[in-house]
PDB file of N, CA and C in Angstrom:
ATOM      1  N   MET A   1     -29.046   3.928  11.223  1.00  0.00           N
ATOM      2  CA  MET A   1     -27.893   4.650  11.734  1.00  0.00           C
ATOM      3  C   MET A   1     -27.998   6.107  11.293  1.00  0.00           C
ATOM      4  N   PRO A   2     -27.935   7.057  12.225  1.00  0.00           N
ATOM      5  CA  PRO A   2     -28.057   8.467  11.848  1.00  0.00           C
ATOM      6  C   PRO A   2     -26.843   8.943  11.061  1.00  0.00           C
ATOM      7  N   LYS A   3     -27.123   9.853  10.135  1.00  0.00           N
ATOM      8  CA  LYS A   3     -26.045  10.408   9.325  1.00  0.00           C
ATOM      9  C   LYS A   3     -25.243  11.398  10.163  1.00  0.00           C
ATOM     10  N   PRO A   4     -23.924  11.370  10.042  1.00  0.00           N
ATOM     11  CA  PRO A   4     -23.113  12.333  10.798  1.00  0.00           C
ATOM     12  C   PRO A   4     -23.304  13.739  10.241  1.00  0.00           C
ATOM     13  N   LEU A   5     -23.267  14.701  11.140  1.00  0.00           N
ATOM     14  CA  LEU A   5     -23.401  16.094  10.749  1.00  0.00           C
ATOM     15  C   LEU A   5     -22.068  16.575  10.192  1.00  0.00           C
ATOM     16  N   VAL A   6     -22.060  16.890   8.910  1.00  0.00           N
ATOM     17  CA  VAL A   6     -20.842  17.374   8.270  1.00  0.00           C
ATOM     18  C   VAL A   6     -20.914  18.893   8.251  1.00  0.00           C
ATOM     19  N   ASP A   7     -20.019  19.495   8.989  1.00  0.00           N
ATOM     20  CA  ASP A   7     -19.952  20.950   9.036  1.00  0.00           C
ATOM     21  C   ASP A   7     -18.492  21.383   9.169  1.00  0.00           C
ATOM     22  N   LYS A   8     -18.302  22.643   9.356  1.00  0.00           N
ATOM     23  CA  LYS A   8     -16.949  23.195   9.447  1.00  0.00           C
ATOM     24  C   LYS A   8     -16.170  22.557  10.602  1.00  0.00           C
ATOM     25  N   LYS A   9     -16.860  22.316  11.720  1.00  0.00           N
ATOM     26  CA  LYS A   9     -16.211  21.733  12.886  1.00  0.00           C
ATOM     27  C   LYS A   9     -15.665  20.338  12.566  1.00  0.00           C
ATOM     28  N   MET A  10     -16.461  19.532  11.862  1.00  0.00           N
ATOM     29  CA  MET A  10     -16.025  18.183  11.512  1.00  0.00           C
ATOM     30  C   MET A  10     -14.821  18.237  10.568  1.00  0.00           C
ATOM     31  N   ILE A  11     -14.856  19.126   9.595  1.00  0.00           N
ATOM     32  CA  ILE A  11     -13.738  19.268   8.657  1.00  0.00           C
ATOM     33  C   ILE A  11     -12.468  19.651   9.417  1.00  0.00           C
ATOM     34  N   LEU A  12     -12.595  20.545  10.369  1.00  0.00           N
ATOM     35  CA  LEU A  12     -11.429  20.960  11.162  1.00  0.00           C
ATOM     36  C   LEU A  12     -10.883  19.808  12.007  1.00  0.00           C
ATOM     37  N   GLU A  13     -11.768  18.963  12.545  1.00  0.00           N
ATOM     38  CA  GLU A  13     -11.331  17.804  13.326  1.00  0.00           C
ATOM     39  C   GLU A  13     -10.590  16.805  12.437  1.00  0.00           C
ATOM     40  N   VAL A  14     -11.147  16.541  11.261  1.00  0.00           N
ATOM     41  CA  VAL A  14     -10.501  15.616  10.325  1.00  0.00           C
ATOM     42  C   VAL A  14      -9.148  16.177   9.897  1.00  0.00           C
ATOM     43  N   ALA A  15      -9.108  17.465   9.595  1.00  0.00           N
ATOM     44  CA  ALA A  15      -7.852  18.104   9.190  1.00  0.00           C
ATOM     45  C   ALA A  15      -6.826  18.044  10.319  1.00  0.00           C
ATOM     46  N   SER A  16      -7.267  18.240  11.532  1.00  0.00           N
ATOM     47  CA  SER A  16      -6.360  18.173  12.677  1.00  0.00           C
ATOM     48  C   SER A  16      -5.789  16.768  12.837  1.00  0.00           C
ATOM     49  N   ASN A  17      -6.653  15.749  12.695  1.00  0.00           N
ATOM     50  CA  ASN A  17      -6.190  14.349  12.793  1.00  0.00           C
ATOM     51  C   ASN A  17      -5.188  14.018  11.696  1.00  0.00           C
ATOM     52  N   ALA A  18      -5.379  14.624  10.525  1.00  0.00           N
ATOM     53  CA  ALA A  18      -4.479  14.376   9.401  1.00  0.00           C
ATOM     54  C   ALA A  18      -3.310  15.359   9.390  1.00  0.00           C
ATOM     55  N   ARG A  19      -3.255  16.219  10.382  1.00  0.00           N
ATOM     56  CA  ARG A  19      -2.205  17.244  10.500  1.00  0.00           C
ATOM     57  C   ARG A  19      -2.156  18.135   9.265  1.00  0.00           C
ATOM     58  N   LEU A  20      -3.340  18.578   8.842  1.00  0.00           N
ATOM     59  CA  LEU A  20      -3.452  19.483   7.701  1.00  0.00           C
ATOM     60  C   LEU A  20      -3.874  20.858   8.177  1.00  0.00           C
ATOM     61  N   LYS A  21      -3.337  21.868   7.545  1.00  0.00           N
ATOM     62  CA  LYS A  21      -3.777  23.234   7.808  1.00  0.00           C
ATOM     63  C   LYS A  21      -4.559  23.689   6.586  1.00  0.00           C
ATOM     64  N   LEU A  22      -5.856  23.892   6.785  1.00  0.00           N
ATOM     65  CA  LEU A  22      -6.727  24.266   5.677  1.00  0.00           C
ATOM     66  C   LEU A  22      -7.107  25.734   5.750  1.00  0.00           C
ATOM     67  N   SER A  23      -7.229  26.335   4.588  1.00  0.00           N
ATOM     68  CA  SER A  23      -7.709  27.711   4.519  1.00  0.00           C
ATOM     69  C   SER A  23      -9.238  27.698   4.598  1.00  0.00           C
ATOM     70  N   GLU A  24      -9.826  28.858   4.812  1.00  0.00           N
ATOM     71  CA  GLU A  24     -11.291  28.967   4.859  1.00  0.00           C
ATOM     72  C   GLU A  24     -11.905  28.507   3.540  1.00  0.00           C
ATOM     73  N   LYS A  25     -11.256  28.861   2.451  1.00  0.00           N
ATOM     74  CA  LYS A  25     -11.755  28.489   1.118  1.00  0.00           C
ATOM     75  C   LYS A  25     -11.759  26.967   0.972  1.00  0.00           C
ATOM     76  N   GLU A  26     -10.699  26.313   1.443  1.00  0.00           N
ATOM     77  CA  GLU A  26     -10.624  24.848   1.366  1.00  0.00           C
ATOM     78  C   GLU A  26     -11.687  24.195   2.246  1.00  0.00           C
ATOM     79  N   ILE A  27     -11.903  24.751   3.423  1.00  0.00           N
ATOM     80  CA  ILE A  27     -12.918  24.197   4.333  1.00  0.00           C
ATOM     81  C   ILE A  27     -14.289  24.259   3.677  1.00  0.00           C
ATOM     82  N   GLU A  28     -14.625  25.399   3.091  1.00  0.00           N
ATOM     83  CA  GLU A  28     -15.920  25.566   2.427  1.00  0.00           C
ATOM     84  C   GLU A  28     -16.061  24.595   1.253  1.00  0.00           C
ATOM     85  N   LYS A  29     -14.959  24.311   0.585  1.00  0.00           N
ATOM     86  CA  LYS A  29     -14.972  23.394  -0.548  1.00  0.00           C
ATOM     87  C   LYS A  29     -15.162  21.947  -0.086  1.00  0.00           C
ATOM     88  N   PHE A  30     -14.552  21.589   1.055  1.00  0.00           N
ATOM     89  CA  PHE A  30     -14.559  20.207   1.510  1.00  0.00           C
ATOM     90  C   PHE A  30     -15.840  19.792   2.223  1.00  0.00           C
ATOM     91  N   VAL A  31     -16.609  20.719   2.762  1.00  0.00           N
ATOM     92  CA  VAL A  31     -17.845  20.359   3.474  1.00  0.00           C
ATOM     93  C   VAL A  31     -18.789  19.586   2.551  1.00  0.00           C
ATOM     94  N   PRO A  32     -19.157  20.107   1.381  1.00  0.00           N
ATOM     95  CA  PRO A  32     -20.068  19.329   0.528  1.00  0.00           C
ATOM     96  C   PRO A  32     -19.423  18.046  -0.018  1.00  0.00           C
ATOM     97  N   GLN A  33     -18.117  18.070  -0.236  1.00  0.00           N
ATOM     98  CA  GLN A  33     -17.452  16.869  -0.748  1.00  0.00           C
ATOM     99  C   GLN A  33     -17.488  15.742   0.278  1.00  0.00           C
ATOM    100  N   LEU A  34     -17.228  16.068   1.542  1.00  0.00           N
ATOM    101  CA  LEU A  34     -17.261  15.046   2.582  1.00  0.00           C
ATOM    102  C   LEU A  34     -18.690  14.536   2.793  1.00  0.00           C
ATOM    103  N   LYS A  35     -19.679  15.419   2.705  1.00  0.00           N
ATOM    104  CA  LYS A  35     -21.073  14.988   2.799  1.00  0.00           C
ATOM    105  C   LYS A  35     -21.383  13.947   1.730  1.00  0.00           C
ATOM    106  N   GLU A  36     -20.926  14.215   0.512  1.00  0.00           N
ATOM    107  CA  GLU A  36     -21.189  13.312  -0.606  1.00  0.00           C
ATOM    108  C   GLU A  36     -20.507  11.958  -0.384  1.00  0.00           C
ATOM    109  N   VAL A  37     -19.283  11.976   0.071  1.00  0.00           N
ATOM    110  CA  VAL A  37     -18.559  10.729   0.321  1.00  0.00           C
ATOM    111  C   VAL A  37     -19.276   9.906   1.389  1.00  0.00           C
ATOM    112  N   LEU A  38     -19.686  10.549   2.471  1.00  0.00           N
ATOM    113  CA  LEU A  38     -20.356   9.825   3.552  1.00  0.00           C
ATOM    114  C   LEU A  38     -21.717   9.291   3.114  1.00  0.00           C
ATOM    115  N   GLU A  39     -22.393   9.989   2.214  1.00  0.00           N
ATOM    116  CA  GLU A  39     -23.670   9.488   1.690  1.00  0.00           C
ATOM    117  C   GLU A  39     -23.453   8.209   0.895  1.00  0.00           C
ATOM    118  N   TYR A  40     -22.393   8.174   0.099  1.00  0.00           N
ATOM    119  CA  TYR A  40     -22.092   6.956  -0.659  1.00  0.00           C
ATOM    120  C   TYR A  40     -21.773   5.798   0.281  1.00  0.00           C
ATOM    121  N   PHE A  41     -21.020   6.052   1.329  1.00  0.00           N
ATOM    122  CA  PHE A  41     -20.696   4.996   2.278  1.00  0.00           C
ATOM    123  C   PHE A  41     -21.930   4.539   3.044  1.00  0.00           C
ATOM    124  N   SER A  42     -22.878   5.432   3.291  1.00  0.00           N
ATOM    125  CA  SER A  42     -24.085   5.032   4.011  1.00  0.00           C
ATOM    126  C   SER A  42     -24.920   4.062   3.189  1.00  0.00           C
ATOM    127  N   LYS A  43     -24.777   4.063   1.868  1.00  0.00           N
ATOM    128  CA  LYS A  43     -25.512   3.119   1.020  1.00  0.00           C
ATOM    129  C   LYS A  43     -25.053   1.682   1.281  1.00  0.00           C
ATOM    130  N   ILE A  44     -23.823   1.505   1.742  1.00  0.00           N
ATOM    131  CA  ILE A  44     -23.325   0.162   2.055  1.00  0.00           C
ATOM    132  C   ILE A  44     -24.147  -0.446   3.186  1.00  0.00           C
ATOM    133  N   ASN A  45     -24.596   0.379   4.129  1.00  0.00           N
ATOM    134  CA  ASN A  45     -25.397  -0.115   5.246  1.00  0.00           C
ATOM    135  C   ASN A  45     -26.743  -0.655   4.793  1.00  0.00           C
ATOM    136  N   GLU A  46     -27.206  -0.264   3.613  1.00  0.00           N
ATOM    137  CA  GLU A  46     -28.496  -0.731   3.104  1.00  0.00           C
ATOM    138  C   GLU A  46     -28.414  -2.149   2.537  1.00  0.00           C
ATOM    139  N   LEU A  47     -27.206  -2.630   2.272  1.00  0.00           N
ATOM    140  CA  LEU A  47     -27.045  -3.960   1.692  1.00  0.00           C
ATOM    141  C   LEU A  47     -27.273  -5.046   2.727  1.00  0.00           C
ATOM    142  N   ASP A  48     -27.868  -6.162   2.289  1.00  0.00           N
ATOM    143  CA  ASP A  48     -28.050  -7.316   3.157  1.00  0.00           C
ATOM    144  C   ASP A  48     -26.837  -8.228   2.961  1.00  0.00           C
ATOM    145  N   ALA A  49     -25.894  -8.144   3.873  1.00  0.00           N
ATOM    146  CA  ALA A  49     -24.667  -8.930   3.774  1.00  0.00           C
ATOM    147  C   ALA A  49     -24.572  -9.934   4.914  1.00  0.00           C
ATOM    148  N   GLU A  50     -25.715 -10.280   5.486  1.00  0.00           N
ATOM    149  CA  GLU A  50     -25.741 -11.167   6.645  1.00  0.00           C
ATOM    150  C   GLU A  50     -25.156 -12.539   6.349  1.00  0.00           C
ATOM    151  N   ASN A  51     -25.431 -13.085   5.162  1.00  0.00           N
ATOM    152  CA  ASN A  51     -24.986 -14.435   4.822  1.00  0.00           C
ATOM    153  C   ASN A  51     -23.723 -14.447   3.961  1.00  0.00           C
ATOM    154  N   GLU A  52     -23.046 -13.333   3.855  1.00  0.00           N
ATOM    155  CA  GLU A  52     -21.844 -13.243   3.038  1.00  0.00           C
ATOM    156  C   GLU A  52     -20.596 -13.509   3.872  1.00  0.00           C
ATOM    157  N   GLU A  53     -19.673 -14.234   3.272  1.00  0.00           N
ATOM    158  CA  GLU A  53     -18.391 -14.484   3.920  1.00  0.00           C
ATOM    159  C   GLU A  53     -17.490 -13.261   3.748  1.00  0.00           C
ATOM    160  N   PRO A  54     -16.692 -12.924   4.763  1.00  0.00           N
ATOM    161  CA  PRO A  54     -15.759 -11.806   4.602  1.00  0.00           C
ATOM    162  C   PRO A  54     -14.722 -12.128   3.530  1.00  0.00           C
ATOM    163  N   SER A  55     -14.336 -11.128   2.772  1.00  0.00           N
ATOM    164  CA  SER A  55     -13.338 -11.309   1.724  1.00  0.00           C
ATOM    165  C   SER A  55     -12.126 -10.458   2.062  1.00  0.00           C
ATOM    166  N   PHE A  56     -11.071 -11.110   2.494  1.00  0.00           N
ATOM    167  CA  PHE A  56      -9.873 -10.390   2.879  1.00  0.00           C
ATOM    168  C   PHE A  56      -8.899 -10.255   1.717  1.00  0.00           C
ATOM    169  N   GLN A  57      -9.069 -11.095   0.692  1.00  0.00           N
ATOM    170  CA  GLN A  57      -8.232 -11.032  -0.501  1.00  0.00           C
ATOM    171  C   GLN A  57      -9.162 -10.981  -1.715  1.00  0.00           C
ATOM    172  N   PRO A  58      -8.934 -10.059  -2.642  1.00  0.00           N
ATOM    173  CA  PRO A  58      -9.811  -9.993  -3.816  1.00  0.00           C
ATOM    174  C   PRO A  58      -9.643 -11.195  -4.751  1.00  0.00           C
ATOM    175  N   ILE A  59      -8.486 -11.842  -4.709  1.00  0.00           N
ATOM    176  CA  ILE A  59      -8.253 -13.043  -5.508  1.00  0.00           C
ATOM    177  C   ILE A  59      -7.707 -14.119  -4.582  1.00  0.00           C
ATOM    178  N   SER A  60      -7.849 -15.359  -4.997  1.00  0.00           N
ATOM    179  CA  SER A  60      -7.367 -16.427  -4.126  1.00  0.00           C
ATOM    180  C   SER A  60      -5.847 -16.396  -4.069  1.00  0.00           C
ATOM    181  N   VAL A  61      -5.328 -16.724  -2.904  1.00  0.00           N
ATOM    182  CA  VAL A  61      -3.893 -16.712  -2.677  1.00  0.00           C
ATOM    183  C   VAL A  61      -3.396 -18.152  -2.739  1.00  0.00           C
ATOM    184  N   LYS A  62      -2.368 -18.370  -3.551  1.00  0.00           N
ATOM    185  CA  LYS A  62      -1.803 -19.710  -3.634  1.00  0.00           C
ATOM    186  C   LYS A  62      -0.297 -19.591  -3.791  1.00  0.00           C
ATOM    187  N   ASN A  63       0.392 -20.651  -3.426  1.00  0.00           N
ATOM    188  CA  ASN A  63       1.839 -20.682  -3.502  1.00  0.00           C
ATOM    189  C   ASN A  63       2.256 -20.804  -4.968  1.00  0.00           C
ATOM    190  N   ILE A  64       3.097 -19.876  -5.438  1.00  0.00           N
ATOM    191  CA  ILE A  64       3.543 -19.913  -6.826  1.00  0.00           C
ATOM    192  C   ILE A  64       5.031 -20.237  -6.930  1.00  0.00           C
ATOM    193  N   PHE A  65       5.626 -20.638  -5.836  1.00  0.00           N
ATOM    194  CA  PHE A  65       7.050 -20.917  -5.833  1.00  0.00           C
ATOM    195  C   PHE A  65       7.322 -22.290  -6.448  1.00  0.00           C
ATOM    196  N   ARG A  66       8.459 -22.410  -7.088  1.00  0.00           N
ATOM    197  CA  ARG A  66       8.855 -23.690  -7.673  1.00  0.00           C
ATOM    198  C   ARG A  66       9.494 -24.553  -6.595  1.00  0.00           C
ATOM    199  N   GLU A  67       9.645 -25.815  -6.915  1.00  0.00           N
ATOM    200  CA  GLU A  67      10.342 -26.717  -6.014  1.00  0.00           C
ATOM    201  C   GLU A  67      11.802 -26.302  -5.938  1.00  0.00           C
ATOM    202  N   ASP A  68      12.408 -26.462  -4.790  1.00  0.00           N
ATOM    203  CA  ASP A  68      13.813 -26.120  -4.595  1.00  0.00           C
ATOM    204  C   ASP A  68      14.649 -27.339  -4.954  1.00  0.00           C
ATOM    205  N   THR A  69      15.132 -27.363  -6.197  1.00  0.00           N
ATOM    206  CA  THR A  69      15.913 -28.501  -6.654  1.00  0.00           C
ATOM    207  C   THR A  69      17.315 -28.047  -7.021  1.00  0.00           C
ATOM    208  N   ILE A  70      18.242 -28.968  -6.922  1.00  0.00           N
ATOM    209  CA  ILE A  70      19.634 -28.663  -7.241  1.00  0.00           C
ATOM    210  C   ILE A  70      19.793 -28.680  -8.753  1.00  0.00           C
ATOM    211  N   GLY A  71      20.411 -27.649  -9.283  1.00  0.00           N
ATOM    212  CA  GLY A  71      20.646 -27.564 -10.719  1.00  0.00           C
ATOM    213  C   GLY A  71      22.129 -27.413 -10.999  1.00  0.00           C
ATOM    214  N   LYS A  72      22.442 -27.179 -12.259  1.00  0.00           N
ATOM    215  CA  LYS A  72      23.832 -27.015 -12.667  1.00  0.00           C
ATOM    216  C   LYS A  72      24.330 -25.660 -12.180  1.00  0.00           C
ATOM    217  N   CYS A  73      25.472 -25.641 -11.566  1.00  0.00           N
ATOM    218  CA  CYS A  73      26.089 -24.399 -11.101  1.00  0.00           C
ATOM    219  C   CYS A  73      27.260 -24.049 -12.005  1.00  0.00           C
ATOM    220  N   ILE A  74      27.542 -22.759 -12.098  1.00  0.00           N
ATOM    221  CA  ILE A  74      28.706 -22.357 -12.887  1.00  0.00           C
ATOM    222  C   ILE A  74      29.933 -22.349 -11.982  1.00  0.00           C
ATOM    223  N   SER A  75      31.076 -22.493 -12.610  1.00  0.00           N
ATOM    224  CA  SER A  75      32.317 -22.525 -11.832  1.00  0.00           C
ATOM    225  C   SER A  75      32.710 -21.117 -11.399  1.00  0.00           C
ATOM    226  N   GLN A  76      33.633 -21.041 -10.490  1.00  0.00           N
ATOM    227  CA  GLN A  76      34.115 -19.740 -10.007  1.00  0.00           C
ATOM    228  C   GLN A  76      34.762 -18.970 -11.154  1.00  0.00           C
ATOM    229  N   GLU A  77      35.472 -19.659 -12.010  1.00  0.00           N
ATOM    230  CA  GLU A  77      36.119 -19.000 -13.145  1.00  0.00           C
ATOM    231  C   GLU A  77      35.083 -18.407 -14.106  1.00  0.00           C
ATOM    232  N   GLU A  78      34.007 -19.171 -14.356  1.00  0.00           N
ATOM    233  CA  GLU A  78      32.946 -18.668 -15.240  1.00  0.00           C
ATOM    234  C   GLU A  78      32.263 -17.449 -14.634  1.00  0.00           C
ATOM    235  N   ALA A  79      32.030 -17.472 -13.330  1.00  0.00           N
ATOM    236  CA  ALA A  79      31.369 -16.356 -12.661  1.00  0.00           C
ATOM    237  C   ALA A  79      32.208 -15.089 -12.750  1.00  0.00           C
ATOM    238  N   LEU A  80      33.518 -15.223 -12.666  1.00  0.00           N
ATOM    239  CA  LEU A  80      34.418 -14.066 -12.676  1.00  0.00           C
ATOM    240  C   LEU A  80      34.904 -13.698 -14.074  1.00  0.00           C
ATOM    241  N   SER A  81      34.487 -14.459 -15.094  1.00  0.00           N
ATOM    242  CA  SER A  81      35.039 -14.261 -16.432  1.00  0.00           C
ATOM    243  C   SER A  81      34.678 -12.916 -17.063  1.00  0.00           C
ATOM    244  N   ASN A  82      33.600 -12.292 -16.707  1.00  0.00           N
ATOM    245  CA  ASN A  82      33.174 -11.050 -17.349  1.00  0.00           C
ATOM    246  C   ASN A  82      33.430  -9.793 -16.519  1.00  0.00           C
ATOM    247  N   THR A  83      34.245  -9.882 -15.493  1.00  0.00           N
ATOM    248  CA  THR A  83      34.516  -8.707 -14.670  1.00  0.00           C
ATOM    249  C   THR A  83      36.000  -8.358 -14.683  1.00  0.00           C
ATOM    250  N   LYS A  84      36.261  -7.066 -14.618  1.00  0.00           N
ATOM    251  CA  LYS A  84      37.642  -6.594 -14.482  1.00  0.00           C
ATOM    252  C   LYS A  84      38.015  -6.515 -13.007  1.00  0.00           C
ATOM    253  N   ASN A  85      36.995  -6.390 -12.143  1.00  0.00           N
ATOM    254  CA  ASN A  85      37.223  -6.167 -10.714  1.00  0.00           C
ATOM    255  C   ASN A  85      37.202  -7.484  -9.950  1.00  0.00           C
ATOM    256  N   LYS A  86      38.342  -8.163  -9.957  1.00  0.00           N
ATOM    257  CA  LYS A  86      38.452  -9.417  -9.220  1.00  0.00           C
ATOM    258  C   LYS A  86      39.825  -9.497  -8.578  1.00  0.00           C
ATOM    259  N   LYS A  87      39.888 -10.250  -7.494  1.00  0.00           N
ATOM    260  CA  LYS A  87      41.154 -10.411  -6.795  1.00  0.00           C
ATOM    261  C   LYS A  87      41.101 -11.729  -6.020  1.00  0.00           C
ATOM    262  N   ASP A  88      42.088 -12.551  -6.183  1.00  0.00           N
ATOM    263  CA  ASP A  88      42.213 -13.821  -5.459  1.00  0.00           C
ATOM    264  C   ASP A  88      40.963 -14.699  -5.580  1.00  0.00           C
ATOM    265  N   GLY A  89      40.334 -14.712  -6.754  1.00  0.00           N
ATOM    266  CA  GLY A  89      39.185 -15.587  -6.974  1.00  0.00           C
ATOM    267  C   GLY A  89      37.861 -15.041  -6.468  1.00  0.00           C
ATOM    268  N   TYR A  90      37.798 -13.747  -6.140  1.00  0.00           N
ATOM    269  CA  TYR A  90      36.556 -13.135  -5.650  1.00  0.00           C
ATOM    270  C   TYR A  90      36.291 -11.837  -6.412  1.00  0.00           C
ATOM    271  N   PHE A  91      35.016 -11.392  -6.392  1.00  0.00           N
ATOM    272  CA  PHE A  91      34.695 -10.072  -6.929  1.00  0.00           C
ATOM    273  C   PHE A  91      35.316  -9.029  -6.009  1.00  0.00           C
ATOM    274  N   LYS A  92      35.885  -8.004  -6.592  1.00  0.00           N
ATOM    275  CA  LYS A  92      36.494  -6.933  -5.793  1.00  0.00           C
ATOM    276  C   LYS A  92      35.566  -5.725  -5.853  1.00  0.00           C
ATOM    277  N   GLY A  93      35.166  -5.245  -4.683  1.00  0.00           N
ATOM    278  CA  GLY A  93      34.281  -4.087  -4.605  1.00  0.00           C
ATOM    279  C   GLY A  93      35.007  -2.907  -4.006  1.00  0.00           C
ATOM    280  N   PRO A  94      34.339  -1.752  -3.949  1.00  0.00           N
ATOM    281  CA  PRO A  94      34.968  -0.568  -3.359  1.00  0.00           C
ATOM    282  C   PRO A  94      35.185  -0.749  -1.860  1.00  0.00           C
ATOM    283  N   LYS A  95      36.191  -0.069  -1.351  1.00  0.00           N
ATOM    284  CA  LYS A  95      36.500  -0.121   0.072  1.00  0.00           C
ATOM    285  C   LYS A  95      35.379   0.575   0.854  1.00  0.00           C
ATOM    286  N   VAL A  96      34.910  -0.056   1.902  1.00  0.00           N
ATOM    287  CA  VAL A  96      33.836   0.494   2.722  1.00  0.00           C
ATOM    288  C   VAL A  96      34.376   0.719   4.120  1.00  0.00           C
ATOM    289  N   VAL A  97      34.410   1.970   4.536  1.00  0.00           N
ATOM    290  CA  VAL A  97      34.928   2.281   5.863  1.00  0.00           C
ATOM    291  C   VAL A  97      33.994   3.274   6.525  1.00  0.00           C
TER     292      VAL A  97
END
């Protein structure tokens, strides 16, 4: 696979796609940096991954949820015992209009 030509034009296209406005100084700085990044990515093409399975998750995914069982519930009085803001057996919140 041929290496892409990294030049000022390519940097401007990438910047345009990312909606960035770059100065001339930034463009000159990014040309060698992008070349280096693309060289590292081109090394991936050298690997023989023909017999490798794709890995979509770095670790195995498993269900960690507990069983849904009925437990002891607290009474309405216990639930409201530590609040000052209650009315007619319910929590009282601010008026929303």
